[in-house]
């Protein structure tokens, strides 16, 4: 089963980003946009700006952690999206 690490960017207000992982990307983004995702994402509309396909849940969790804690990488991804 494939897993995805993804980054979302808020469509309103400040330029917020959210990083997560899932095995069903379309369903997960819909959850975030319908206020049923992670608590941080509720009440905002989000756009997918980055996704990466991985082969295992363990790899996805590890990659998610790396992206979440590497501010330089997050800013590069966000800058490349414009």
Protein backbone atom coordinates (compact mmCIF):
# COMPACT_ATOMS: atom_id res chain seq x y z
CA UNK A 1 0.00 0.00 0.00
CA UNK A 2 1.29 3.47 -0.89
CA UNK A 3 1.37 6.37 1.54
CA UNK A 4 1.67 10.06 0.82
CA UNK A 5 3.33 12.89 2.68
CA UNK A 6 1.71 16.17 1.75
CA UNK A 7 1.81 19.88 2.44
CA UNK A 8 -1.22 22.13 2.40
CA UNK A 9 -1.27 25.92 2.22
CA UNK A 10 -4.14 27.98 3.63
CA UNK A 11 -6.11 29.97 1.08
CA UNK A 12 -7.04 32.83 3.38
CA UNK A 13 -5.32 35.07 5.86
CA UNK A 14 -1.73 34.34 6.82
CA UNK A 15 0.30 31.96 4.73
CA UNK A 16 -0.05 28.91 6.97
CA UNK A 17 1.11 25.44 6.00
CA UNK A 18 0.24 22.00 7.29
CA UNK A 19 2.20 18.78 6.76
CA UNK A 20 0.66 15.34 7.14
CA UNK A 21 0.61 11.80 5.80
CA UNK A 22 -2.15 9.52 4.55
CA UNK A 23 -2.89 6.51 2.39
CA UNK A 24 -5.83 8.28 0.67
CA UNK A 25 -4.80 11.78 -0.34
CA UNK A 26 -8.05 12.95 -1.95
CA UNK A 27 -10.16 11.84 1.03
CA UNK A 28 -7.76 13.43 3.51
CA UNK A 29 -7.74 16.83 1.77
CA UNK A 30 -11.53 16.77 1.64
CA UNK A 31 -11.56 16.07 5.38
CA UNK A 32 -9.32 19.07 6.04
CA UNK A 33 -11.48 21.36 3.88
CA UNK A 34 -14.67 20.14 5.57
CA UNK A 35 -13.35 20.78 9.10
CA UNK A 36 -13.02 17.06 9.85
CA UNK A 37 -9.25 16.80 9.61
CA UNK A 38 -6.62 17.70 12.17
CA UNK A 39 -7.68 20.30 14.74
CA UNK A 40 -5.18 22.85 13.35
CA UNK A 41 -6.80 22.72 9.90
CA UNK A 42 -10.42 23.18 11.00
CA UNK A 43 -12.21 26.30 9.84
CA UNK A 44 -9.79 27.02 6.99
CA UNK A 45 -9.71 26.14 3.30
CA UNK A 46 -6.55 24.43 2.05
CA UNK A 47 -4.79 23.81 -1.25
CA UNK A 48 -2.36 20.96 -1.88
CA UNK A 49 1.08 22.37 -2.74
CA UNK A 50 3.29 19.28 -2.31
CA UNK A 51 2.95 15.51 -2.26
CA UNK A 52 5.42 12.67 -2.10
CA UNK A 53 4.59 8.98 -2.57
CA UNK A 54 6.27 6.49 -0.24
CA UNK A 55 6.15 2.71 0.01
CA UNK A 56 5.41 2.24 3.71
CA UNK A 57 3.73 3.92 6.64
CA UNK A 58 7.04 3.96 8.50
CA UNK A 59 8.73 5.86 5.67
CA UNK A 60 5.82 8.30 5.47
CA UNK A 61 5.89 9.04 9.20
CA UNK A 62 9.64 9.57 9.11
CA UNK A 63 9.44 11.88 6.07
CA UNK A 64 6.53 13.83 7.57
CA UNK A 65 8.56 14.41 10.75
CA UNK A 66 11.56 15.57 8.70
CA UNK A 67 9.53 18.06 6.65
CA UNK A 68 7.64 19.36 9.70
CA UNK A 69 10.84 20.10 11.57
CA UNK A 70 12.93 21.45 8.67
CA UNK A 71 11.77 25.06 8.34
CA UNK A 72 14.17 25.72 5.43
CA UNK A 73 12.67 22.88 3.38
CA UNK A 74 9.10 23.96 4.20
CA UNK A 75 9.86 27.50 3.05
CA UNK A 76 11.46 26.22 -0.17
CA UNK A 77 8.38 24.13 -0.94
CA UNK A 78 6.10 27.07 -0.17
CA UNK A 79 8.20 29.46 -2.28
CA UNK A 80 8.22 27.02 -5.20
CA UNK A 81 4.43 26.83 -5.18
CA UNK A 82 3.60 30.47 -5.97
